[in-house]
Amino acid sequence: MHYWIVCLLGGSLLLSVNCISFNLEPNTQKCLKEELQGNVPVIGEFEVSEQPGQRIDYLVTDSKGHILAQRQDVSKGKFSFNTESYDTYEICFFSRVLQNQKGITQLVSLNTKHGVETKNYESFAEATNLKPIELEIKKLEDLSKSIVDDFAFMTKREEEMTDTNESTNNRVMYFSIFSIFVLLGLAVWQVLYLRRYFKTKKLI
């Protein structure tokens, strides 16, 4: 499993740029996965080294198999989508080589952004006539909100995991107690059965 390399900006836990380059062997595929929260914008930009007689396709899906972005025979381009819920999202690159042709390894470069990093603050500043200091305050405000939201999400996940652990521990304890009583019951039944059997055979 290959994961996206995360390049943190400003120490943000939610705000990140994912940048990675890898070699794609002929007639193979490589997939990159990342877990993202719901309602998060994602922008990706990629570039592929071209080789005659070869092509690269890409496909972006979630864990349910929903196609979020897809193109065939690409050399470079962009894609974007919004996450619907907390899920694992996957982008796959496929190498296709013509028959009876020796393939050559191709280099794939991929940059992705998600969260507030996808916002175009320059255009926003022009549209709203913000001064440079006001724009910086807006960036800090969005960054602070993203960090708070991320901590709130992690707290919620921690609570869910704690509840799951406690529920699992209780079930294991009840199952253990039930197993002990079953074993004791079987042991008592076996003793009584053997005692009756030996009496019947007049061995005791």
C-alpha atoms as a PDB file:
ATOM      1  CA  MET A   1       0.000   0.000   0.000  1.00  0.00           C
ATOM      2  CA  HIS A   2       1.433   3.351  -1.047  1.00  0.00           C
ATOM      3  CA  TYR A   3       0.426   6.453   0.838  1.00  0.00           C
ATOM      4  CA  TRP A   4       0.631  10.072  -0.264  1.00  0.00           C
ATOM      5  CA  ILE A   5       3.608  11.932   1.205  1.00  0.00           C
ATOM      6  CA  VAL A   6       2.277  14.780   3.279  1.00  0.00           C
ATOM      7  CA  CYS A   7       4.102  18.150   3.229  1.00  0.00           C
ATOM      8  CA  LEU A   8       2.710  20.135   6.161  1.00  0.00           C
ATOM      9  CA  LEU A   9       2.222  23.885   5.790  1.00  0.00           C
ATOM     10  CA  GLY A  10       2.193  26.133   8.793  1.00  0.00           C
ATOM     11  CA  GLY A  11       1.871  23.212  11.195  1.00  0.00           C
ATOM     12  CA  SER A  12      -1.751  22.675  10.176  1.00  0.00           C
ATOM     13  CA  LEU A  13      -3.197  19.230  10.802  1.00  0.00           C
ATOM     14  CA  LEU A  14      -5.929  19.628   8.208  1.00  0.00           C
ATOM     15  CA  LEU A  15      -4.194  21.921   5.745  1.00  0.00           C
ATOM     16  CA  SER A  16      -1.742  19.943   3.673  1.00  0.00           C
ATOM     17  CA  VAL A  17      -0.167  19.644   0.256  1.00  0.00           C
ATOM     18  CA  ASN A  18       0.549  16.110  -0.918  1.00  0.00           C
ATOM     19  CA  CYS A  19       3.466  15.889  -3.345  1.00  0.00           C
ATOM     20  CA  ILE A  20       4.923  12.682  -4.685  1.00  0.00           C
ATOM     21  CA  SER A  21       6.769  11.297  -7.698  1.00  0.00           C
ATOM     22  CA  PHE A  22       7.057   7.621  -8.579  1.00  0.00           C
ATOM     23  CA  ASN A  23       8.043   5.305 -11.412  1.00  0.00           C
ATOM     24  CA  LEU A  24       5.268   3.366 -13.127  1.00  0.00           C
ATOM     25  CA  GLU A  25       6.377   0.132 -14.763  1.00  0.00           C
ATOM     26  CA  PRO A  26       4.873  -0.874 -18.154  1.00  0.00           C
ATOM     27  CA  ASN A  27       1.425  -2.524 -17.977  1.00  0.00           C
ATOM     28  CA  THR A  28       1.153  -2.066 -14.222  1.00  0.00           C
ATOM     29  CA  GLN A  29      -0.842   0.158 -11.929  1.00  0.00           C
ATOM     30  CA  LYS A  30      -0.052   2.085  -8.769  1.00  0.00           C
ATOM     31  CA  CYS A  31      -2.659   3.378  -6.343  1.00  0.00           C
ATOM     32  CA  LEU A  32      -2.323   6.025  -3.632  1.00  0.00           C
ATOM     33  CA  LYS A  33      -4.766   6.249  -0.732  1.00  0.00           C
ATOM     34  CA  GLU A  34      -5.620   8.864   1.863  1.00  0.00           C
ATOM     35  CA  GLU A  35      -8.290   9.192   4.531  1.00  0.00           C
ATOM     36  CA  LEU A  36     -10.211  12.470   4.401  1.00  0.00           C
ATOM     37  CA  GLN A  37     -13.089  14.002   6.309  1.00  0.00           C
ATOM     38  CA  GLY A  38     -16.432  14.797   4.729  1.00  0.00           C
ATOM     39  CA  ASN A  39     -17.132  17.958   2.740  1.00  0.00           C
ATOM     40  CA  VAL A  40     -13.452  18.633   1.994  1.00  0.00           C
ATOM     41  CA  PRO A  41     -12.454  20.083  -1.404  1.00  0.00           C
ATOM     42  CA  VAL A  42      -9.590  18.263  -3.135  1.00  0.00           C
ATOM     43  CA  ILE A  43      -7.527  19.499  -6.067  1.00  0.00           C
ATOM     44  CA  GLY A  44      -4.911  17.422  -7.843  1.00  0.00           C
ATOM     45  CA  GLU A  45      -2.362  18.191 -10.546  1.00  0.00           C
ATOM     46  CA  PHE A  46      -0.227  15.566 -12.272  1.00  0.00           C
ATOM     47  CA  GLU A  47       2.341  15.184 -15.026  1.00  0.00           C
ATOM     48  CA  VAL A  48       3.537  12.036 -16.771  1.00  0.00           C
ATOM     49  CA  SER A  49       6.699  11.519 -18.818  1.00  0.00           C
ATOM     50  CA  GLU A  50       5.604  10.622 -22.344  1.00  0.00           C
ATOM     51  CA  GLN A  51       6.725   7.503 -24.172  1.00  0.00           C
ATOM     52  CA  PRO A  52       5.684   6.635 -27.764  1.00  0.00           C
ATOM     53  CA  GLY A  53       3.257   3.733 -27.944  1.00  0.00           C
ATOM     54  CA  GLN A  54       2.393   3.974 -24.254  1.00  0.00           C
ATOM     55  CA  ARG A  55      -0.443   5.689 -22.436  1.00  0.00           C
ATOM     56  CA  ILE A  56      -1.379   6.465 -18.858  1.00  0.00           C
ATOM     57  CA  ASP A  57      -4.942   6.430 -17.489  1.00  0.00           C
ATOM     58  CA  TYR A  58      -6.013   7.587 -14.056  1.00  0.00           C
ATOM     59  CA  LEU A  59      -9.026   6.910 -11.855  1.00  0.00           C
ATOM     60  CA  VAL A  60     -10.103   8.486  -8.553  1.00  0.00           C
ATOM     61  CA  THR A  61     -12.570   6.544  -6.392  1.00  0.00           C
ATOM     62  CA  ASP A  62     -13.797   6.227  -2.817  1.00  0.00           C
ATOM     63  CA  SER A  63     -14.002   3.012  -0.782  1.00  0.00           C
ATOM     64  CA  LYS A  64     -17.475   2.296  -2.209  1.00  0.00           C
ATOM     65  CA  GLY A  65     -16.173   2.337  -5.768  1.00  0.00           C
ATOM     66  CA  HIS A  66     -17.786   5.645  -6.751  1.00  0.00           C
ATOM     67  CA  ILE A  67     -15.832   7.300  -9.571  1.00  0.00           C
ATOM     68  CA  LEU A  68     -14.888  10.882  -8.636  1.00  0.00           C
ATOM     69  CA  ALA A  69     -12.522  11.638 -11.538  1.00  0.00           C
ATOM     70  CA  GLN A  70     -11.347   9.677 -14.558  1.00  0.00           C
ATOM     71  CA  ARG A  71      -9.361  10.270 -17.755  1.00  0.00           C
ATOM     72  CA  GLN A  72      -7.570   8.169 -20.317  1.00  0.00           C
ATOM     73  CA  ASP A  73      -4.342   8.731 -22.234  1.00  0.00           C
ATOM     74  CA  VAL A  74      -3.070  11.660 -20.162  1.00  0.00           C
ATOM     75  CA  SER A  75       0.294  13.408 -20.104  1.00  0.00           C
ATOM     76  CA  LYS A  76      -0.624  16.115 -17.604  1.00  0.00           C
ATOM     77  CA  GLY A  77      -3.758  17.628 -16.168  1.00  0.00           C
ATOM     78  CA  LYS A  78      -5.835  18.459 -13.132  1.00  0.00           C
ATOM     79  CA  PHE A  79      -8.791  17.010 -11.254  1.00  0.00           C
ATOM     80  CA  SER A  80     -10.990  18.184  -8.417  1.00  0.00           C
ATOM     81  CA  PHE A  81     -13.802  16.831  -6.268  1.00  0.00           C
ATOM     82  CA  ASN A  82     -15.506  17.280  -2.906  1.00  0.00           C
ATOM     83  CA  THR A  83     -15.541  14.463  -0.371  1.00  0.00           C
ATOM     84  CA  GLU A  84     -19.038  13.398   0.671  1.00  0.00           C
ATOM     85  CA  SER A  85     -18.145  11.730   3.973  1.00  0.00           C
ATOM     86  CA  TYR A  86     -15.216  10.482   6.041  1.00  0.00           C
ATOM     87  CA  ASP A  87     -13.710   7.831   3.814  1.00  0.00           C
ATOM     88  CA  THR A  88     -10.582   6.475   2.179  1.00  0.00           C
ATOM     89  CA  TYR A  89     -10.032   8.012  -1.241  1.00  0.00           C
ATOM     90  CA  GLU A  90      -7.829   6.408  -3.854  1.00  0.00           C
ATOM     91  CA  ILE A  91      -6.189   7.593  -7.053  1.00  0.00           C
ATOM     92  CA  CYS A  92      -4.798   4.965  -9.405  1.00  0.00           C
ATOM     93  CA  PHE A  93      -2.537   5.378 -12.418  1.00  0.00           C
ATOM     94  CA  PHE A  94      -2.569   2.641 -15.077  1.00  0.00           C
ATOM     95  CA  SER A  95       0.141   2.008 -17.652  1.00  0.00           C
ATOM     96  CA  ARG A  96      -1.009   0.713 -21.044  1.00  0.00           C
ATOM     97  CA  VAL A  97       1.509  -0.525 -23.623  1.00  0.00           C
ATOM     98  CA  LEU A  98       0.704  -1.570 -27.200  1.00  0.00           C
ATOM     99  CA  GLN A  99       1.042  -5.259 -27.986  1.00  0.00           C
ATOM    100  CA  ASN A 100       4.385  -6.510 -29.318  1.00  0.00           C
ATOM    101  CA  GLN A 101       6.111  -3.416 -27.963  1.00  0.00           C
ATOM    102  CA  LYS A 102       8.679  -3.238 -25.206  1.00  0.00           C
ATOM    103  CA  GLY A 103       7.491  -0.879 -22.506  1.00  0.00           C
ATOM    104  CA  ILE A 104       9.554   1.784 -20.755  1.00  0.00           C
ATOM    105  CA  THR A 105       9.178   2.954 -17.166  1.00  0.00           C
ATOM    106  CA  GLN A 106       7.388   6.303 -16.906  1.00  0.00           C
ATOM    107  CA  LEU A 107       7.710   8.953 -14.210  1.00  0.00           C
ATOM    108  CA  VAL A 108       4.498  10.225 -12.632  1.00  0.00           C
ATOM    109  CA  SER A 109       4.469  13.431 -10.559  1.00  0.00           C
ATOM    110  CA  LEU A 110       1.407  14.215  -8.467  1.00  0.00           C
ATOM    111  CA  ASN A 111       0.553  17.247  -6.318  1.00  0.00           C
ATOM    112  CA  THR A 112      -2.666  17.385  -4.349  1.00  0.00           C
ATOM    113  CA  LYS A 113      -4.202  19.974  -2.054  1.00  0.00           C
ATOM    114  CA  HIS A 114      -7.185  19.690   0.229  1.00  0.00           C
ATOM    115  CA  GLY A 115      -8.946  21.790   2.805  1.00  0.00           C
ATOM    116  CA  VAL A 116      -8.396  25.538   2.946  1.00  0.00           C
ATOM    117  CA  GLU A 117      -5.214  25.152   0.875  1.00  0.00           C
ATOM    118  CA  THR A 118      -7.445  24.832  -2.208  1.00  0.00           C
ATOM    119  CA  LYS A 119      -8.740  28.398  -1.795  1.00  0.00           C
ATOM    120  CA  ASN A 120      -7.495  31.054  -4.201  1.00  0.00           C
ATOM    121  CA  TYR A 121      -6.870  33.941  -1.831  1.00  0.00           C
ATOM    122  CA  GLU A 122      -5.526  36.242  -4.547  1.00  0.00           C
ATOM    123  CA  SER A 123      -8.809  36.112  -6.457  1.00  0.00           C
ATOM    124  CA  PHE A 124     -10.723  36.451  -3.196  1.00  0.00           C
ATOM    125  CA  ALA A 125      -8.725  39.560  -2.270  1.00  0.00           C
ATOM    126  CA  GLU A 126      -9.391  41.157  -5.664  1.00  0.00           C
ATOM    127  CA  ALA A 127     -13.109  40.386  -5.482  1.00  0.00           C
ATOM    128  CA  THR A 128     -13.511  41.757  -1.953  1.00  0.00           C
ATOM    129  CA  ASN A 129     -10.908  44.550  -2.145  1.00  0.00           C
ATOM    130  CA  LEU A 130      -9.044  43.261   0.889  1.00  0.00           C
ATOM    131  CA  LYS A 131      -5.823  44.893   1.985  1.00  0.00           C
ATOM    132  CA  PRO A 132      -2.723  42.653   2.388  1.00  0.00           C
ATOM    133  CA  ILE A 133      -3.013  42.650   6.184  1.00  0.00           C
ATOM    134  CA  GLU A 134      -6.731  41.818   5.945  1.00  0.00           C
ATOM    135  CA  LEU A 135      -5.941  38.976   3.560  1.00  0.00           C
ATOM    136  CA  GLU A 136      -3.365  37.555   5.979  1.00  0.00           C
ATOM    137  CA  ILE A 137      -5.917  37.771   8.801  1.00  0.00           C
ATOM    138  CA  LYS A 138      -8.417  35.920   6.614  1.00  0.00           C
ATOM    139  CA  LYS A 139      -5.855  33.193   5.936  1.00  0.00           C
ATOM    140  CA  LEU A 140      -5.112  32.848   9.650  1.00  0.00           C
ATOM    141  CA  GLU A 141      -8.828  32.754  10.426  1.00  0.00           C
ATOM    142  CA  ASP A 142      -9.413  29.938   7.932  1.00  0.00           C
ATOM    143  CA  LEU A 143      -6.351  28.085   9.194  1.00  0.00           C
ATOM    144  CA  SER A 144      -7.474  28.392  12.816  1.00  0.00           C
ATOM    145  CA  LYS A 145     -10.942  27.148  11.935  1.00  0.00           C
ATOM    146  CA  SER A 146      -9.508  24.167  10.056  1.00  0.00           C
ATOM    147  CA  ILE A 147      -7.346  23.231  13.063  1.00  0.00           C
ATOM    148  CA  VAL A 148     -10.281  23.544  15.465  1.00  0.00           C
ATOM    149  CA  ASP A 149     -12.469  21.436  13.160  1.00  0.00           C
ATOM    150  CA  ASP A 150      -9.749  18.843  12.861  1.00  0.00           C
ATOM    151  CA  PHE A 151      -9.307  18.595  16.641  1.00  0.00           C
ATOM    152  CA  ALA A 152     -13.074  18.319  17.074  1.00  0.00           C
ATOM    153  CA  PHE A 153     -13.139  15.513  14.518  1.00  0.00           C
ATOM    154  CA  MET A 154     -10.269  13.683  16.230  1.00  0.00           C
ATOM    155  CA  THR A 155     -12.023  14.051  19.604  1.00  0.00           C
ATOM    156  CA  LYS A 156     -15.183  12.567  18.136  1.00  0.00           C
ATOM    157  CA  ARG A 157     -13.232   9.679  16.618  1.00  0.00           C
ATOM    158  CA  GLU A 158     -11.494   9.079  19.953  1.00  0.00           C
ATOM    159  CA  GLU A 159     -14.849   8.939  21.734  1.00  0.00           C
ATOM    160  CA  GLU A 160     -16.189   6.495  19.150  1.00  0.00           C
ATOM    161  CA  MET A 161     -13.114   4.287  19.495  1.00  0.00           C
ATOM    162  CA  THR A 162     -13.373   4.413  23.305  1.00  0.00           C
ATOM    163  CA  ASP A 163     -17.032   3.387  23.163  1.00  0.00           C
ATOM    164  CA  THR A 164     -16.160   0.574  20.758  1.00  0.00           C
ATOM    165  CA  ASN A 165     -13.346  -0.666  23.018  1.00  0.00           C
ATOM    166  CA  GLU A 166     -15.555  -0.587  26.100  1.00  0.00           C
ATOM    167  CA  SER A 167     -18.345  -2.400  24.279  1.00  0.00           C
ATOM    168  CA  THR A 168     -15.891  -5.022  23.006  1.00  0.00           C
ATOM    169  CA  ASN A 169     -14.395  -5.513  26.480  1.00  0.00           C
ATOM    170  CA  ASN A 170     -17.862  -5.991  27.993  1.00  0.00           C
ATOM    171  CA  ARG A 171     -18.814  -8.531  25.341  1.00  0.00           C
ATOM    172  CA  VAL A 172     -15.560 -10.435  25.839  1.00  0.00           C
ATOM    173  CA  MET A 173     -16.113 -10.467  29.614  1.00  0.00           C
ATOM    174  CA  TYR A 174     -19.710 -11.724  29.287  1.00  0.00           C
ATOM    175  CA  PHE A 175     -18.634 -14.337  26.774  1.00  0.00           C
ATOM    176  CA  SER A 176     -15.860 -15.508  29.100  1.00  0.00           C
ATOM    177  CA  ILE A 177     -18.280 -15.808  32.035  1.00  0.00           C
ATOM    178  CA  PHE A 178     -20.761 -17.670  29.834  1.00  0.00           C
ATOM    179  CA  SER A 179     -17.998 -20.016  28.625  1.00  0.00           C
ATOM    180  CA  ILE A 180     -16.958 -20.771  32.234  1.00  0.00           C
ATOM    181  CA  PHE A 181     -20.518 -21.659  33.219  1.00  0.00           C
ATOM    182  CA  VAL A 182     -20.913 -23.836  30.119  1.00  0.00           C
ATOM    183  CA  LEU A 183     -17.679 -25.677  30.905  1.00  0.00           C
ATOM    184  CA  LEU A 184     -18.688 -26.162  34.548  1.00  0.00           C
ATOM    185  CA  GLY A 185     -22.086 -27.436  33.434  1.00  0.00           C
ATOM    186  CA  LEU A 186     -20.498 -29.894  31.021  1.00  0.00           C
ATOM    187  CA  ALA A 187     -18.053 -31.059  33.697  1.00  0.00           C
ATOM    188  CA  VAL A 188     -20.889 -31.695  36.215  1.00  0.00           C
ATOM    189  CA  TRP A 189     -22.969 -33.463  33.573  1.00  0.00           C
ATOM    190  CA  GLN A 190     -20.004 -35.650  32.599  1.00  0.00           C
ATOM    191  CA  VAL A 191     -19.355 -36.646  36.229  1.00  0.00           C
ATOM    192  CA  LEU A 192     -23.008 -37.514  36.809  1.00  0.00           C
ATOM    193  CA  TYR A 193     -23.212 -39.424  33.537  1.00  0.00           C
ATOM    194  CA  LEU A 194     -20.089 -41.465  34.272  1.00  0.00           C
ATOM    195  CA  ARG A 195     -21.266 -42.157  37.802  1.00  0.00           C
ATOM    196  CA  ARG A 196     -24.625 -43.426  36.500  1.00  0.00           C
ATOM    197  CA  TYR A 197     -22.871 -45.462  33.827  1.00  0.00           C
ATOM    198  CA  PHE A 198     -20.539 -47.152  36.299  1.00  0.00           C
ATOM    199  CA  LYS A 199     -23.444 -47.912  38.628  1.00  0.00           C
ATOM    200  CA  THR A 200     -25.339 -49.452  35.763  1.00  0.00           C
ATOM    201  CA  LYS A 201     -22.342 -51.660  34.947  1.00  0.00           C
ATOM    202  CA  LYS A 202     -21.971 -52.343  38.694  1.00  0.00           C
ATOM    203  CA  LEU A 203     -18.419 -51.112  38.623  1.00  0.00           C
ATOM    204  CA  ILE A 204     -18.955 -48.967  41.689  1.00  0.00           C
END
